[in-house]
Amino acid sequence: ENSKSKIRAQSIRQEGRHKAQVLKKKAEHKLAHANMRGILCNLLILSVALISSKAFVPIPNHCSSLHHRWSQIARKACSSDEGNTGCLMTERNVILQKPMGIIVEELDQFNPTSGVIVKKMDPNGATAAASKSGNADICLHDKILRINDENCASESFETVMDRIIESPGSDITLTLARSVDAVVVKWPNGISVAAMPGEPLSGIARQALVRIPYSCTSGGCGTCEQSLVTEDGEQRYVRPCVARVPKGSTTITLNPSDRVIKPSS
């Protein structure tokens, strides 16, 4: 009887030690996860601080969604101090009729003083019409530096919108900045996009609200084929499902292909 009691007591003690070890391991595992979360939070805070201070600017080229891309073009043209961009850019004045038919957005959602960029354009609006006729050089992702000669390069979205709304008269003058590395991609609906060489044309078309028919999406069938003309008048044919913004050009104009594509046998 005493022997059985001892064995039972020993078994209970072993089971208790095993449970204690399991609980200890779980606690260590949770602590490790908590430490990792803390490290990641600190890294995130540091990244935001670096971005805000412009110490960290590069964005991977494969990030194609604007919200992750925000805009490589606009970032290169961005400046919190007018005239001190730290990069090469071009400036231009455009006179637009109100309502302009554009949507603007903060360049950096974490930094309200980063200024605003042209995010969207109504293909039926005054700006698209002026761009299509050649009377206004304005692209998606251009940064607004001045409104009627008043600096707004480092102002918040709300302030910029107030200036646009309160602008007197039926016309408004915008001073726009664009990276010298940008390629202007023009579409038949009057919308132009400032893009980086190597960006997929299919994504640029979506930003410009251009509907291109696709079929194979591998460049084989020719359903999506477009005529591409460079600033020098050189014409070639591209298939946006696989084509990218070419290097070495400053402006390209795309229109639906005028060639008859023979179906492959």
C-alpha atoms as a PDB file:
ATOM      1  CA  GLU A   1       0.000   0.000   0.000  1.00  0.00           C
ATOM      2  CA  ASN A   2       2.828   2.391   0.934  1.00  0.00           C
ATOM      3  CA  SER A   3       4.668   1.464  -2.272  1.00  0.00           C
ATOM      4  CA  LYS A   4       1.633   2.338  -4.404  1.00  0.00           C
ATOM      5  CA  SER A   5       1.254   5.671  -2.600  1.00  0.00           C
ATOM      6  CA  LYS A   6       4.894   6.529  -3.231  1.00  0.00           C
ATOM      7  CA  ILE A   7       4.620   5.643  -6.924  1.00  0.00           C
ATOM      8  CA  ARG A   8       1.452   7.769  -7.238  1.00  0.00           C
ATOM      9  CA  ALA A   9       3.099  10.705  -5.466  1.00  0.00           C
ATOM     10  CA  GLN A  10       6.180  10.421  -7.688  1.00  0.00           C
ATOM     11  CA  SER A  11       3.980  10.353 -10.797  1.00  0.00           C
ATOM     12  CA  ILE A  12       2.113  13.454  -9.642  1.00  0.00           C
ATOM     13  CA  ARG A  13       5.406  15.281  -9.008  1.00  0.00           C
ATOM     14  CA  GLN A  14       6.723  14.340 -12.478  1.00  0.00           C
ATOM     15  CA  GLU A  15       3.477  15.488 -14.082  1.00  0.00           C
ATOM     16  CA  GLY A  16       3.689  18.751 -12.161  1.00  0.00           C
ATOM     17  CA  ARG A  17       7.295  19.320 -13.297  1.00  0.00           C
ATOM     18  CA  HIS A  18       6.304  18.584 -16.899  1.00  0.00           C
ATOM     19  CA  LYS A  19       3.419  21.085 -16.742  1.00  0.00           C
ATOM     20  CA  ALA A  20       5.729  23.671 -15.200  1.00  0.00           C
ATOM     21  CA  GLN A  21       8.243  23.175 -18.037  1.00  0.00           C
ATOM     22  CA  VAL A  22       5.491  23.510 -20.656  1.00  0.00           C
ATOM     23  CA  LEU A  23       4.202  26.708 -19.055  1.00  0.00           C
ATOM     24  CA  LYS A  24       7.747  28.072 -18.866  1.00  0.00           C
ATOM     25  CA  LYS A  25       8.327  27.396 -22.569  1.00  0.00           C
ATOM     26  CA  LYS A  26       5.016  29.052 -23.458  1.00  0.00           C
ATOM     27  CA  ALA A  27       5.936  32.072 -21.380  1.00  0.00           C
ATOM     28  CA  GLU A  28       9.360  32.300 -23.063  1.00  0.00           C
ATOM     29  CA  HIS A  29       7.697  31.973 -26.494  1.00  0.00           C
ATOM     30  CA  LYS A  30       5.249  34.799 -25.698  1.00  0.00           C
ATOM     31  CA  LEU A  31       8.071  36.972 -24.380  1.00  0.00           C
ATOM     32  CA  ALA A  32      10.077  36.408 -27.576  1.00  0.00           C
ATOM     33  CA  HIS A  33       7.054  37.402 -29.675  1.00  0.00           C
ATOM     34  CA  ALA A  34       6.491  40.488 -27.536  1.00  0.00           C
ATOM     35  CA  ASN A  35      10.149  41.484 -27.957  1.00  0.00           C
ATOM     36  CA  MET A  36       9.913  40.962 -31.716  1.00  0.00           C
ATOM     37  CA  ARG A  37       6.770  43.097 -31.899  1.00  0.00           C
ATOM     38  CA  GLY A  38       8.532  45.804 -29.945  1.00  0.00           C
ATOM     39  CA  ILE A  39      11.509  45.700 -32.330  1.00  0.00           C
ATOM     40  CA  LEU A  40       9.212  45.880 -35.358  1.00  0.00           C
ATOM     41  CA  CYS A  41       7.292  48.818 -33.870  1.00  0.00           C
ATOM     42  CA  ASN A  42      10.540  50.657 -33.234  1.00  0.00           C
ATOM     43  CA  LEU A  43      11.686  49.960 -36.799  1.00  0.00           C
ATOM     44  CA  LEU A  44       8.365  51.255 -38.144  1.00  0.00           C
ATOM     45  CA  ILE A  45       8.618  54.441 -36.077  1.00  0.00           C
ATOM     46  CA  LEU A  46      12.215  54.923 -37.243  1.00  0.00           C
ATOM     47  CA  SER A  47      11.230  54.373 -40.891  1.00  0.00           C
ATOM     48  CA  VAL A  48       8.436  56.942 -40.666  1.00  0.00           C
ATOM     49  CA  ALA A  49      10.808  59.422 -39.039  1.00  0.00           C
ATOM     50  CA  LEU A  50      13.425  58.862 -41.752  1.00  0.00           C
ATOM     51  CA  ILE A  51      10.866  59.236 -44.545  1.00  0.00           C
ATOM     52  CA  SER A  52       9.553  62.445 -43.004  1.00  0.00           C
ATOM     53  CA  SER A  53      13.062  63.840 -42.754  1.00  0.00           C
ATOM     54  CA  LYS A  54      13.817  62.809 -46.375  1.00  0.00           C
ATOM     55  CA  ALA A  55      16.746  60.698 -45.163  1.00  0.00           C
ATOM     56  CA  PHE A  56      15.064  57.658 -46.745  1.00  0.00           C
ATOM     57  CA  VAL A  57      13.532  58.164 -50.166  1.00  0.00           C
ATOM     58  CA  PRO A  58      14.080  55.112 -52.434  1.00  0.00           C
ATOM     59  CA  ILE A  59      11.084  52.965 -53.322  1.00  0.00           C
ATOM     60  CA  PRO A  60      11.502  49.581 -55.027  1.00  0.00           C
ATOM     61  CA  ASN A  61      10.646  49.742 -58.730  1.00  0.00           C
ATOM     62  CA  HIS A  62       8.410  46.676 -58.426  1.00  0.00           C
ATOM     63  CA  CYS A  63       5.997  48.520 -56.118  1.00  0.00           C
ATOM     64  CA  SER A  64       3.367  49.449 -58.659  1.00  0.00           C
ATOM     65  CA  SER A  65       0.373  50.293 -56.541  1.00  0.00           C
ATOM     66  CA  LEU A  66       0.282  54.166 -56.033  1.00  0.00           C
ATOM     67  CA  HIS A  67      -0.370  53.855 -52.678  1.00  0.00           C
ATOM     68  CA  HIS A  68       2.803  52.028 -52.125  1.00  0.00           C
ATOM     69  CA  ARG A  69       4.422  53.880 -54.929  1.00  0.00           C
ATOM     70  CA  TRP A  70       2.808  57.203 -53.726  1.00  0.00           C
ATOM     71  CA  SER A  71       4.738  58.463 -56.614  1.00  0.00           C
ATOM     72  CA  GLN A  72       8.387  57.917 -57.343  1.00  0.00           C
ATOM     73  CA  ILE A  73       8.079  60.778 -59.782  1.00  0.00           C
ATOM     74  CA  ALA A  74       6.517  63.181 -57.312  1.00  0.00           C
ATOM     75  CA  ARG A  75       8.930  62.176 -54.576  1.00  0.00           C
ATOM     76  CA  LYS A  76      11.806  63.127 -56.828  1.00  0.00           C
ATOM     77  CA  ALA A  77      10.108  66.434 -57.520  1.00  0.00           C
ATOM     78  CA  CYS A  78       9.040  66.952 -53.923  1.00  0.00           C
ATOM     79  CA  SER A  79      10.321  69.813 -51.863  1.00  0.00           C
ATOM     80  CA  SER A  80       9.353  71.133 -48.464  1.00  0.00           C
ATOM     81  CA  ASP A  81      11.395  74.248 -49.252  1.00  0.00           C
ATOM     82  CA  GLU A  82      10.738  75.768 -52.640  1.00  0.00           C
ATOM     83  CA  GLY A  83      13.861  75.818 -54.757  1.00  0.00           C
ATOM     84  CA  ASN A  84      15.679  73.316 -52.535  1.00  0.00           C
ATOM     85  CA  THR A  85      14.636  69.946 -53.852  1.00  0.00           C
ATOM     86  CA  GLY A  86      17.848  68.006 -53.601  1.00  0.00           C
ATOM     87  CA  CYS A  87      17.114  66.551 -57.054  1.00  0.00           C
ATOM     88  CA  LEU A  88      16.720  67.634 -60.660  1.00  0.00           C
ATOM     89  CA  MET A  89      13.234  68.603 -61.739  1.00  0.00           C
ATOM     90  CA  THR A  90      11.458  70.745 -64.254  1.00  0.00           C
ATOM     91  CA  GLU A  91       8.892  73.430 -63.512  1.00  0.00           C
ATOM     92  CA  ARG A  92       6.075  74.702 -65.696  1.00  0.00           C
ATOM     93  CA  ASN A  93       3.104  77.051 -65.370  1.00  0.00           C
ATOM     94  CA  VAL A  94      -0.283  75.925 -66.611  1.00  0.00           C
ATOM     95  CA  ILE A  95      -3.422  78.042 -66.802  1.00  0.00           C
ATOM     96  CA  LEU A  96      -6.537  75.959 -66.200  1.00  0.00           C
ATOM     97  CA  GLN A  97     -10.219  76.721 -66.266  1.00  0.00           C
ATOM     98  CA  LYS A  98     -12.307  76.085 -63.161  1.00  0.00           C
ATOM     99  CA  PRO A  99     -13.672  73.592 -62.332  1.00  0.00           C
ATOM    100  CA  MET A 100     -10.422  71.894 -63.305  1.00  0.00           C
ATOM    101  CA  GLY A 101     -11.585  68.298 -63.157  1.00  0.00           C
ATOM    102  CA  ILE A 102      -8.609  66.990 -61.172  1.00  0.00           C
ATOM    103  CA  ILE A 103      -8.180  65.313 -57.797  1.00  0.00           C
ATOM    104  CA  VAL A 104      -5.158  66.133 -55.649  1.00  0.00           C
ATOM    105  CA  GLU A 105      -3.667  64.086 -52.848  1.00  0.00           C
ATOM    106  CA  GLU A 106      -1.004  64.519 -50.178  1.00  0.00           C
ATOM    107  CA  LEU A 107       2.399  63.419 -51.394  1.00  0.00           C
ATOM    108  CA  ASP A 108       3.149  61.735 -48.058  1.00  0.00           C
ATOM    109  CA  GLN A 109       0.270  60.733 -45.803  1.00  0.00           C
ATOM    110  CA  PHE A 110       2.640  60.676 -42.819  1.00  0.00           C
ATOM    111  CA  ASN A 111       3.834  64.220 -43.442  1.00  0.00           C
ATOM    112  CA  PRO A 112       1.082  66.841 -43.866  1.00  0.00           C
ATOM    113  CA  THR A 113       3.639  69.439 -44.980  1.00  0.00           C
ATOM    114  CA  SER A 114       4.891  67.377 -47.923  1.00  0.00           C
ATOM    115  CA  GLY A 115       2.570  69.173 -50.340  1.00  0.00           C
ATOM    116  CA  VAL A 116       0.144  67.685 -52.853  1.00  0.00           C
ATOM    117  CA  ILE A 117       0.284  65.952 -56.218  1.00  0.00           C
ATOM    118  CA  VAL A 118      -2.174  65.532 -59.069  1.00  0.00           C
ATOM    119  CA  LYS A 119      -3.671  62.111 -58.331  1.00  0.00           C
ATOM    120  CA  LYS A 120      -6.567  61.749 -60.798  1.00  0.00           C
ATOM    121  CA  MET A 121      -7.992  63.560 -63.798  1.00  0.00           C
ATOM    122  CA  ASP A 122     -11.494  63.536 -65.247  1.00  0.00           C
ATOM    123  CA  PRO A 123     -11.199  62.624 -68.958  1.00  0.00           C
ATOM    124  CA  ASN A 124     -14.261  64.804 -69.599  1.00  0.00           C
ATOM    125  CA  GLY A 125     -12.948  67.759 -67.566  1.00  0.00           C
ATOM    126  CA  ALA A 126     -11.344  71.047 -68.519  1.00  0.00           C
ATOM    127  CA  THR A 127      -7.795  69.935 -67.642  1.00  0.00           C
ATOM    128  CA  ALA A 128      -7.913  66.802 -69.799  1.00  0.00           C
ATOM    129  CA  ALA A 129      -9.314  68.880 -72.688  1.00  0.00           C
ATOM    130  CA  ALA A 130      -6.525  71.467 -72.325  1.00  0.00           C
ATOM    131  CA  SER A 131      -3.911  68.708 -72.147  1.00  0.00           C
ATOM    132  CA  LYS A 132      -5.322  66.939 -75.215  1.00  0.00           C
ATOM    133  CA  SER A 133      -5.242  70.148 -77.256  1.00  0.00           C
ATOM    134  CA  GLY A 134      -1.664  70.874 -76.172  1.00  0.00           C
ATOM    135  CA  ASN A 135      -2.589  73.967 -74.145  1.00  0.00           C
ATOM    136  CA  ALA A 136      -1.573  72.552 -70.759  1.00  0.00           C
ATOM    137  CA  ASP A 137       1.425  70.396 -69.842  1.00  0.00           C
ATOM    138  CA  ILE A 138       0.065  68.603 -66.793  1.00  0.00           C
ATOM    139  CA  CYS A 139       0.446  64.963 -65.749  1.00  0.00           C
ATOM    140  CA  LEU A 140      -0.720  62.653 -63.020  1.00  0.00           C
ATOM    141  CA  HIS A 141       1.921  62.677 -60.228  1.00  0.00           C
ATOM    142  CA  ASP A 142       3.024  66.274 -60.909  1.00  0.00           C
ATOM    143  CA  LYS A 143       3.553  68.196 -57.681  1.00  0.00           C
ATOM    144  CA  ILE A 144       1.845  71.559 -57.190  1.00  0.00           C
ATOM    145  CA  LEU A 145       4.466  74.128 -56.148  1.00  0.00           C
ATOM    146  CA  ARG A 146       2.488  77.368 -56.473  1.00  0.00           C
ATOM    147  CA  ILE A 147      -1.102  78.503 -56.948  1.00  0.00           C
ATOM    148  CA  ASN A 148      -1.405  81.900 -58.646  1.00  0.00           C
ATOM    149  CA  ASP A 149       2.265  82.541 -57.770  1.00  0.00           C
ATOM    150  CA  GLU A 150       1.708  81.786 -54.053  1.00  0.00           C
ATOM    151  CA  ASN A 151       4.001  79.075 -52.713  1.00  0.00           C
ATOM    152  CA  CYS A 152       2.226  75.913 -51.523  1.00  0.00           C
ATOM    153  CA  ALA A 153       5.030  73.356 -51.928  1.00  0.00           C
ATOM    154  CA  SER A 154       4.989  72.456 -48.231  1.00  0.00           C
ATOM    155  CA  GLU A 155       1.364  73.112 -47.365  1.00  0.00           C
ATOM    156  CA  SER A 156      -1.271  70.605 -46.280  1.00  0.00           C
ATOM    157  CA  PHE A 157      -4.000  69.173 -48.471  1.00  0.00           C
ATOM    158  CA  GLU A 158      -6.651  71.298 -46.735  1.00  0.00           C
ATOM    159  CA  THR A 159      -4.695  74.532 -47.252  1.00  0.00           C
ATOM    160  CA  VAL A 160      -4.074  73.800 -50.923  1.00  0.00           C
ATOM    161  CA  MET A 161      -7.748  72.989 -51.479  1.00  0.00           C
ATOM    162  CA  ASP A 162      -8.778  76.232 -49.765  1.00  0.00           C
ATOM    163  CA  ARG A 163      -6.470  78.197 -52.062  1.00  0.00           C
ATOM    164  CA  ILE A 164      -7.901  76.503 -55.141  1.00  0.00           C
ATOM    165  CA  ILE A 165     -11.498  77.079 -54.054  1.00  0.00           C
ATOM    166  CA  GLU A 166     -10.884  80.712 -53.045  1.00  0.00           C
ATOM    167  CA  SER A 167      -8.958  81.533 -56.213  1.00  0.00           C
ATOM    168  CA  PRO A 168     -10.707  84.509 -57.893  1.00  0.00           C
ATOM    169  CA  GLY A 169     -11.931  84.413 -61.465  1.00  0.00           C
ATOM    170  CA  SER A 170     -12.634  81.506 -63.780  1.00  0.00           C
ATOM    171  CA  ASP A 171      -8.956  80.656 -64.437  1.00  0.00           C
ATOM    172  CA  ILE A 172      -6.250  79.434 -62.099  1.00  0.00           C
ATOM    173  CA  THR A 173      -2.479  79.252 -62.632  1.00  0.00           C
ATOM    174  CA  LEU A 174      -0.618  76.242 -61.228  1.00  0.00           C
ATOM    175  CA  THR A 175       3.149  75.881 -61.085  1.00  0.00           C
ATOM    176  CA  LEU A 176       3.975  72.183 -61.368  1.00  0.00           C
ATOM    177  CA  ALA A 177       7.153  70.199 -60.694  1.00  0.00           C
ATOM    178  CA  ARG A 178       8.168  66.965 -62.391  1.00  0.00           C
ATOM    179  CA  SER A 179      11.303  64.848 -62.182  1.00  0.00           C
ATOM    180  CA  VAL A 180      13.643  65.104 -65.164  1.00  0.00           C
ATOM    181  CA  ASP A 181      13.726  61.294 -65.159  1.00  0.00           C
ATOM    182  CA  ALA A 182       9.995  61.092 -65.872  1.00  0.00           C
ATOM    183  CA  VAL A 183       8.586  59.947 -69.188  1.00  0.00           C
ATOM    184  CA  VAL A 184       5.312  61.647 -70.144  1.00  0.00           C
ATOM    185  CA  VAL A 185       2.867  58.981 -71.337  1.00  0.00           C
ATOM    186  CA  LYS A 186       0.000  60.541 -73.320  1.00  0.00           C
ATOM    187  CA  TRP A 187      -3.313  58.788 -73.964  1.00  0.00           C
ATOM    188  CA  PRO A 188      -6.156  59.546 -76.419  1.00  0.00           C
ATOM    189  CA  ASN A 189      -8.534  60.695 -73.643  1.00  0.00           C
ATOM    190  CA  GLY A 190      -6.305  63.675 -72.829  1.00  0.00           C
ATOM    191  CA  ILE A 191      -4.835  62.231 -69.628  1.00  0.00           C
ATOM    192  CA  SER A 192      -1.040  62.148 -69.379  1.00  0.00           C
ATOM    193  CA  VAL A 193       0.921  60.245 -66.751  1.00  0.00           C
ATOM    194  CA  ALA A 194       4.438  61.035 -65.549  1.00  0.00           C
ATOM    195  CA  ALA A 195       5.977  57.569 -65.342  1.00  0.00           C
ATOM    196  CA  MET A 196       9.375  56.060 -64.701  1.00  0.00           C
ATOM    197  CA  PRO A 197      11.151  54.044 -67.402  1.00  0.00           C
ATOM    198  CA  GLY A 198      10.410  50.368 -66.878  1.00  0.00           C
ATOM    199  CA  GLU A 199       6.928  50.799 -65.447  1.00  0.00           C
ATOM    200  CA  PRO A 200       4.315  48.445 -66.979  1.00  0.00           C
ATOM    201  CA  LEU A 201       2.163  50.205 -69.571  1.00  0.00           C
ATOM    202  CA  SER A 202      -0.892  48.243 -68.416  1.00  0.00           C
ATOM    203  CA  GLY A 203      -0.677  49.926 -65.005  1.00  0.00           C
ATOM    204  CA  ILE A 204      -0.148  53.358 -66.574  1.00  0.00           C
ATOM    205  CA  ALA A 205      -3.262  52.812 -68.714  1.00  0.00           C
ATOM    206  CA  ARG A 206      -5.343  52.001 -65.627  1.00  0.00           C
ATOM    207  CA  GLN A 207      -4.173  55.189 -63.926  1.00  0.00           C
ATOM    208  CA  ALA A 208      -5.197  57.158 -67.027  1.00  0.00           C
ATOM    209  CA  LEU A 209      -8.640  55.478 -67.040  1.00  0.00           C
ATOM    210  CA  VAL A 210      -7.930  53.978 -70.463  1.00  0.00           C
ATOM    211  CA  ARG A 211      -9.682  50.679 -71.138  1.00  0.00           C
ATOM    212  CA  ILE A 212      -7.491  48.414 -73.234  1.00  0.00           C
ATOM    213  CA  PRO A 213      -8.902  45.050 -74.351  1.00  0.00           C
ATOM    214  CA  TYR A 214      -6.786  42.073 -73.322  1.00  0.00           C
ATOM    215  CA  SER A 215      -6.934  38.416 -74.223  1.00  0.00           C
ATOM    216  CA  CYS A 216      -3.819  36.272 -73.820  1.00  0.00           C
ATOM    217  CA  THR A 217      -1.989  38.759 -71.512  1.00  0.00           C
ATOM    218  CA  SER A 218       1.312  37.277 -72.673  1.00  0.00           C
ATOM    219  CA  GLY A 219       1.988  39.410 -75.764  1.00  0.00           C
ATOM    220  CA  GLY A 220       1.033  36.748 -78.248  1.00  0.00           C
ATOM    221  CA  CYS A 221      -2.412  37.587 -79.620  1.00  0.00           C
ATOM    222  CA  GLY A 222      -2.119  41.328 -80.312  1.00  0.00           C
ATOM    223  CA  THR A 223      -5.553  42.192 -78.854  1.00  0.00           C
ATOM    224  CA  CYS A 224      -4.099  44.981 -76.729  1.00  0.00           C
ATOM    225  CA  GLU A 225      -1.666  46.335 -79.328  1.00  0.00           C
ATOM    226  CA  GLN A 226      -1.098  50.094 -79.339  1.00  0.00           C
ATOM    227  CA  SER A 227       0.738  52.490 -81.622  1.00  0.00           C
ATOM    228  CA  LEU A 228       3.556  54.233 -79.715  1.00  0.00           C
ATOM    229  CA  VAL A 229       5.052  57.466 -81.096  1.00  0.00           C
ATOM    230  CA  THR A 230       8.042  59.134 -79.436  1.00  0.00           C
ATOM    231  CA  GLU A 231       8.771  62.857 -79.246  1.00  0.00           C
ATOM    232  CA  ASP A 232      10.994  62.430 -82.344  1.00  0.00           C
ATOM    233  CA  GLY A 233       8.133  60.994 -84.405  1.00  0.00           C
ATOM    234  CA  GLU A 234       9.448  57.442 -84.291  1.00  0.00           C
ATOM    235  CA  GLN A 235       6.566  54.961 -84.385  1.00  0.00           C
ATOM    236  CA  ARG A 236       6.456  51.373 -83.228  1.00  0.00           C
ATOM    237  CA  TYR A 237       3.868  48.948 -81.964  1.00  0.00           C
ATOM    238  CA  VAL A 238       3.676  47.694 -78.403  1.00  0.00           C
ATOM    239  CA  ARG A 239       1.482  45.309 -76.477  1.00  0.00           C
ATOM    240  CA  PRO A 240       0.754  46.813 -73.036  1.00  0.00           C
ATOM    241  CA  CYS A 241       0.098  43.438 -71.410  1.00  0.00           C
ATOM    242  CA  VAL A 242       3.866  42.891 -71.479  1.00  0.00           C
ATOM    243  CA  ALA A 243       5.339  46.253 -72.607  1.00  0.00           C
ATOM    244  CA  ARG A 244       6.954  48.811 -70.301  1.00  0.00           C
ATOM    245  CA  VAL A 245       7.702  52.510 -70.469  1.00  0.00           C
ATOM    246  CA  PRO A 246      10.776  52.751 -72.717  1.00  0.00           C
ATOM    247  CA  LYS A 247      14.066  54.292 -71.715  1.00  0.00           C
ATOM    248  CA  GLY A 248      15.580  57.176 -73.629  1.00  0.00           C
ATOM    249  CA  SER A 249      12.315  58.993 -74.386  1.00  0.00           C
ATOM    250  CA  THR A 250      10.852  62.060 -72.723  1.00  0.00           C
ATOM    251  CA  THR A 251       7.355  61.796 -74.221  1.00  0.00           C
ATOM    252  CA  ILE A 252       5.425  58.918 -75.761  1.00  0.00           C
ATOM    253  CA  THR A 253       1.940  59.006 -77.243  1.00  0.00           C
ATOM    254  CA  LEU A 254      -0.198  55.883 -77.375  1.00  0.00           C
ATOM    255  CA  ASN A 255      -3.215  55.192 -79.569  1.00  0.00           C
ATOM    256  CA  PRO A 256      -5.023  51.997 -80.568  1.00  0.00           C
ATOM    257  CA  SER A 257      -3.078  50.133 -83.245  1.00  0.00           C
ATOM    258  CA  ASP A 258      -4.013  50.748 -86.872  1.00  0.00           C
ATOM    259  CA  ARG A 259      -2.566  47.409 -87.967  1.00  0.00           C
ATOM    260  CA  VAL A 260      -4.665  44.379 -88.793  1.00  0.00           C
ATOM    261  CA  ILE A 261      -3.527  41.529 -86.575  1.00  0.00           C
ATOM    262  CA  LYS A 262      -3.791  38.198 -88.323  1.00  0.00           C
ATOM    263  CA  PRO A 263      -4.898  35.418 -85.976  1.00  0.00           C
ATOM    264  CA  SER A 264      -2.269  32.780 -85.488  1.00  0.00           C
ATOM    265  CA  SER A 265      -3.086  29.494 -87.198  1.00  0.00           C
END
